[in-house]
Amino acid sequence: MLKKVWLFLFLMTANAAFATMFFPLPFDKQIDEATSAAEVKLASSHVFKNSAGAIMTEYVFDILESYNLSPDDLDNQHLKLAMPGGTYEGVTSMIDGAPVFKEGEKTFLLLKKIESKIYLSNFTLGKYKIQNIEGKDYYVSEVFPFDLNIGRISKEKMIELIKEKWKLSAAPLKIDGKPTFVRVPPLPEKHFTFEKRAPAQESAATEEIPVFFWSALILVTFFFGLIFFKIGQNGQLNKRE
């Protein structure tokens, strides 16, 4: 009997040790850690074993609205995410904290691109249920639904934060008929070259000084020459008289 008690305690301790722990992150921090987002609807799923022998479930989502997703991130216009766990050939693998999606379910996902592959950002913390409360759409955290700070946010506020953080276009583009918000490229920097030129007045003064100087010199010489010529003529007349 004592052995059974110890075995039970060991299993409980082991389960707690391997349990997934989530730390509450403010919405702006969650957005900082993500690279894209999307409102999606689960279209289908299938379970498989990966190369390491782990049981995985691949979820295939229809895109309803997307934020900073490129066509390269999609597979035949669908978003595909692989999550650990599932039932494969009669064997069920359950991963504590792994997100579970139901067919037809609509959710909002924060995503992260790592080496050209898309993942759910911060694991289950990146999944939000979409709920309509008093005629207004809200995103409700899958992990902390009752947290007053990060448990719920209006769709309007979340999209406003996303656009601001990721510098997205104010209005959506229509790609394959779906609203798509894309990053706005920064305006190219303009480089101006200025030719260093002397002030107009200074330049004019520099050019006018030699002309004025020589003109004045000629006039003074002519004036004094005329005076000496007159003086000479008067001297000669006086001698004759």
Protein backbone atom coordinates (compact mmCIF):
# COMPACT_ATOMS: atom_id res chain seq x y z
CA MET A 1 0.00 0.00 0.00
CA LEU A 2 2.85 2.34 0.92
CA LYS A 3 4.49 1.70 -2.47
CA LYS A 4 1.29 2.72 -4.27
CA VAL A 5 1.14 5.96 -2.31
CA TRP A 6 4.75 6.78 -3.21
CA LEU A 7 4.09 5.94 -6.86
CA PHE A 8 1.07 8.25 -6.90
CA LEU A 9 3.08 11.08 -5.33
CA PHE A 10 5.89 10.53 -7.84
CA LEU A 11 3.51 10.71 -10.79
CA MET A 12 1.90 13.88 -9.43
CA THR A 13 5.32 15.48 -8.92
CA ALA A 14 6.51 14.44 -12.38
CA ASN A 15 3.35 15.82 -13.97
CA ALA A 16 3.82 19.16 -12.19
CA ALA A 17 7.48 19.28 -13.20
CA PHE A 18 6.67 18.84 -16.87
CA ALA A 19 3.63 21.11 -16.85
CA THR A 20 3.81 24.08 -19.16
CA MET A 21 4.05 27.38 -17.31
CA PHE A 22 2.84 30.64 -18.84
CA PHE A 23 3.86 34.05 -17.59
CA PRO A 24 1.40 36.91 -18.03
CA LEU A 25 2.63 39.37 -20.63
CA PRO A 26 1.01 42.75 -21.40
CA PHE A 27 -0.55 42.99 -24.84
CA ASP A 28 2.14 45.32 -26.18
CA LYS A 29 4.88 42.87 -25.11
CA GLN A 30 3.07 39.97 -26.77
CA ILE A 31 2.85 42.00 -29.98
CA ASP A 32 6.55 42.90 -29.75
CA GLU A 33 7.44 39.20 -29.63
CA ALA A 34 5.16 38.31 -32.57
CA THR A 35 5.81 39.12 -36.24
CA SER A 36 2.31 38.72 -37.70
CA ALA A 37 -1.28 37.95 -36.75
CA ALA A 38 -4.49 36.66 -38.27
CA GLU A 39 -8.15 36.01 -37.66
CA VAL A 40 -8.67 32.42 -38.77
CA LYS A 41 -11.21 29.64 -39.01
CA LEU A 42 -10.13 26.01 -38.66
CA ALA A 43 -10.82 24.18 -41.91
CA SER A 44 -9.27 20.78 -41.19
CA SER A 45 -6.59 18.92 -39.23
CA HIS A 46 -4.64 15.70 -39.40
CA VAL A 47 -2.32 13.82 -37.02
CA PHE A 48 1.11 12.50 -38.01
CA LYS A 49 4.43 11.41 -36.57
CA ASN A 50 7.41 13.64 -37.21
CA SER A 51 10.95 12.48 -37.98
CA ALA A 52 11.70 12.22 -34.25
CA GLY A 53 8.70 9.93 -33.69
CA ALA A 54 6.64 12.52 -31.82
CA ILE A 55 2.90 12.67 -32.45
CA MET A 56 1.90 16.00 -33.98
CA THR A 57 -1.32 17.61 -35.22
CA GLU A 58 -1.28 19.89 -38.23
CA TYR A 59 -4.08 22.47 -38.29
CA VAL A 60 -5.17 24.06 -41.57
CA PHE A 61 -6.83 27.46 -41.22
CA ASP A 62 -8.81 29.67 -43.57
CA ILE A 63 -7.60 33.27 -43.36
CA LEU A 64 -10.34 35.78 -42.48
CA GLU A 65 -8.11 38.81 -41.85
CA SER A 66 -4.33 39.01 -41.74
CA TYR A 67 -1.76 41.42 -40.38
CA ASN A 68 1.77 41.46 -41.79
CA LEU A 69 1.43 38.00 -43.35
CA SER A 70 2.95 37.54 -46.81
CA PRO A 71 1.83 35.05 -49.48
CA ASP A 72 5.04 33.11 -48.79
CA ASP A 73 3.80 32.41 -45.26
CA LEU A 74 0.77 30.55 -46.60
CA ASP A 75 0.29 27.20 -48.27
CA ASN A 76 -2.28 27.39 -51.07
CA GLN A 77 -3.83 30.45 -49.35
CA HIS A 78 -4.10 28.55 -46.05
CA LEU A 79 -2.21 28.98 -42.80
CA LYS A 80 -0.77 25.70 -41.49
CA LEU A 81 0.45 25.23 -37.93
CA ALA A 82 1.84 22.02 -36.40
CA MET A 83 1.26 21.44 -32.69
CA PRO A 84 2.47 18.61 -30.42
CA GLY A 85 -0.08 16.00 -29.37
CA GLY A 86 -2.97 14.08 -30.91
CA THR A 87 -4.13 10.51 -31.46
CA TYR A 88 -2.18 8.48 -34.01
CA GLU A 89 -2.91 4.80 -34.76
CA GLY A 90 -4.67 4.32 -31.43
CA VAL A 91 -1.95 6.05 -29.39
CA THR A 92 -2.90 9.36 -27.75
CA SER A 93 -0.28 11.95 -26.83
CA MET A 94 -1.40 14.79 -24.57
CA ILE A 95 0.91 17.77 -24.08
CA ASP A 96 0.10 19.96 -21.12
CA GLY A 97 -0.67 23.51 -22.24
CA ALA A 98 -0.77 22.72 -25.97
CA PRO A 99 -3.52 24.62 -27.81
CA VAL A 100 -6.47 22.67 -29.15
CA PHE A 101 -8.61 23.88 -32.05
CA LYS A 102 -12.08 22.71 -33.04
CA GLU A 103 -13.19 22.49 -36.65
CA GLY A 104 -15.14 25.60 -37.63
CA GLU A 105 -13.82 27.52 -34.62
CA LYS A 106 -12.83 31.15 -35.25
CA THR A 107 -9.81 32.46 -33.38
CA PHE A 108 -7.29 35.27 -33.41
CA LEU A 109 -3.65 34.19 -33.49
CA LEU A 110 -0.41 36.01 -32.77
CA LEU A 111 2.26 34.42 -34.93
CA LYS A 112 6.04 34.38 -35.08
CA LYS A 113 8.23 33.67 -38.09
CA ILE A 114 11.44 31.74 -37.38
CA GLU A 115 13.70 30.73 -40.27
CA SER A 116 10.92 31.12 -42.87
CA LYS A 117 8.46 28.98 -40.85
CA ILE A 118 5.39 30.28 -39.02
CA TYR A 119 4.68 29.30 -35.40
CA LEU A 120 2.14 30.28 -32.77
CA SER A 121 3.85 33.05 -30.79
CA ASN A 122 4.41 32.12 -27.13
CA PHE A 123 2.64 28.80 -27.72
CA THR A 124 -0.95 28.83 -26.35
CA LEU A 125 -0.53 32.40 -25.11
CA GLY A 126 -0.81 33.45 -28.75
CA LYS A 127 -4.32 32.03 -29.16
CA TYR A 128 -7.41 34.17 -28.52
CA LYS A 129 -11.05 33.19 -28.73
CA ILE A 130 -13.32 35.65 -30.52
CA GLN A 131 -16.37 36.63 -28.50
CA ASN A 132 -19.07 39.17 -29.24
CA ILE A 133 -20.07 41.05 -26.11
CA GLU A 134 -22.86 43.61 -26.36
CA GLY A 135 -22.35 43.93 -30.11
CA LYS A 136 -18.59 44.39 -29.88
CA ASP A 137 -15.90 41.83 -30.80
CA TYR A 138 -13.37 40.92 -28.13
CA TYR A 139 -10.27 38.73 -28.16
CA VAL A 140 -10.25 36.52 -25.03
CA SER A 141 -7.03 34.86 -23.87
CA GLU A 142 -7.00 31.06 -23.96
CA VAL A 143 -4.58 30.96 -21.01
CA PHE A 144 -5.68 33.86 -18.80
CA PRO A 145 -9.39 34.41 -19.63
CA PHE A 146 -10.13 35.88 -16.18
CA ASP A 147 -7.09 38.11 -15.83
CA LEU A 148 -8.31 41.70 -15.61
CA ASN A 149 -5.24 43.06 -17.42
CA ILE A 150 -4.53 40.55 -20.20
CA GLY A 151 -7.61 38.34 -20.20
CA ARG A 152 -9.62 40.32 -22.72
CA ILE A 153 -9.11 43.12 -25.21
CA SER A 154 -11.42 44.60 -27.82
CA LYS A 155 -10.60 43.76 -31.42
CA GLU A 156 -10.45 47.48 -32.20
CA LYS A 157 -7.81 48.11 -29.52
CA MET A 158 -5.72 45.05 -30.46
CA ILE A 159 -5.60 46.00 -34.14
CA GLU A 160 -4.72 49.58 -33.19
CA LEU A 161 -1.74 48.30 -31.14
CA ILE A 162 -0.66 45.97 -33.95
CA LYS A 163 -0.72 48.71 -36.59
CA GLU A 164 1.25 51.03 -34.35
CA LYS A 165 3.88 48.44 -33.36
CA TRP A 166 4.39 46.95 -36.81
CA LYS A 167 3.87 50.16 -38.83
CA LEU A 168 1.05 48.67 -40.90
CA SER A 169 -1.15 50.38 -43.46
CA ALA A 170 -4.15 52.24 -42.07
CA ALA A 171 -6.55 50.60 -44.54
CA PRO A 172 -6.47 46.92 -45.55
CA LEU A 173 -5.56 45.66 -48.98
CA LYS A 174 -7.68 42.99 -50.65
CA ILE A 175 -5.57 39.90 -51.37
CA ASP A 176 -7.60 36.99 -52.69
CA GLY A 177 -10.67 38.83 -51.43
CA LYS A 178 -9.44 38.88 -47.82
CA PRO A 179 -8.57 42.06 -45.85
CA THR A 180 -4.79 42.16 -45.48
CA PHE A 181 -2.82 44.78 -43.57
CA VAL A 182 0.77 45.12 -44.75
CA ARG A 183 3.82 46.97 -43.50
CA VAL A 184 4.18 50.47 -44.89
CA PRO A 185 7.68 50.90 -46.37
CA PRO A 186 9.53 53.94 -45.00
CA LEU A 187 9.89 56.90 -47.32
CA PRO A 188 13.27 56.99 -49.07
CA GLU A 189 15.68 59.46 -47.61
CA LYS A 190 16.38 62.46 -49.82
CA HIS A 191 19.95 63.61 -50.07
CA PHE A 192 20.54 67.22 -51.09
CA THR A 193 23.84 68.68 -52.28
CA PHE A 194 24.45 72.36 -51.86
CA GLU A 195 26.91 74.30 -53.99
CA LYS A 196 28.93 76.69 -51.90
CA ARG A 197 28.69 80.08 -53.49
CA ALA A 198 29.80 83.52 -52.32
CA PRO A 199 27.05 85.99 -51.43
CA ALA A 200 25.81 87.99 -54.40
CA GLN A 201 26.67 91.38 -52.86
CA GLU A 202 30.16 90.29 -51.95
CA SER A 203 30.78 88.90 -55.43
CA ALA A 204 29.49 92.05 -57.10
CA ALA A 205 31.61 94.22 -54.86
CA THR A 206 34.71 92.20 -55.66
CA GLU A 207 34.10 92.56 -59.38
CA GLU A 208 33.21 96.29 -59.24
CA ILE A 209 36.22 97.50 -57.19
CA PRO A 210 38.87 97.15 -59.94
CA VAL A 211 36.65 98.86 -62.57
CA PHE A 212 35.85 101.77 -60.29
CA PHE A 213 39.45 102.13 -59.22
CA TRP A 214 40.85 102.33 -62.74
CA SER A 215 38.06 104.63 -63.93
CA ALA A 216 38.71 107.03 -61.06
CA LEU A 217 42.47 106.93 -61.67
CA ILE A 218 42.00 107.80 -65.34
CA LEU A 219 39.67 110.70 -64.50
CA VAL A 220 42.07 112.09 -61.88
CA THR A 221 45.02 111.81 -64.27
CA PHE A 222 43.05 113.52 -67.05
CA PHE A 223 41.92 116.28 -64.65
CA PHE A 224 45.41 117.02 -63.36
CA GLY A 225 46.82 116.78 -66.87
CA LEU A 226 44.32 119.37 -68.06
CA ILE A 227 45.24 121.65 -65.16
CA PHE A 228 48.97 121.40 -65.89
CA PHE A 229 48.25 122.00 -69.60
CA LYS A 230 46.33 125.18 -68.78
CA ILE A 231 49.06 126.33 -66.38
CA GLY A 232 51.66 125.78 -69.10
CA GLN A 233 49.66 127.77 -71.65
CA ASN A 234 49.24 130.68 -69.21
CA GLY A 235 52.99 130.69 -68.49
CA GLN A 236 53.85 130.93 -72.14
CA LEU A 237 51.41 133.85 -72.65
CA ASN A 238 52.96 135.74 -69.74
CA LYS A 239 56.47 135.35 -71.16
CA ARG A 240 55.39 136.73 -74.55
CA GLU A 241 53.86 139.73 -72.92
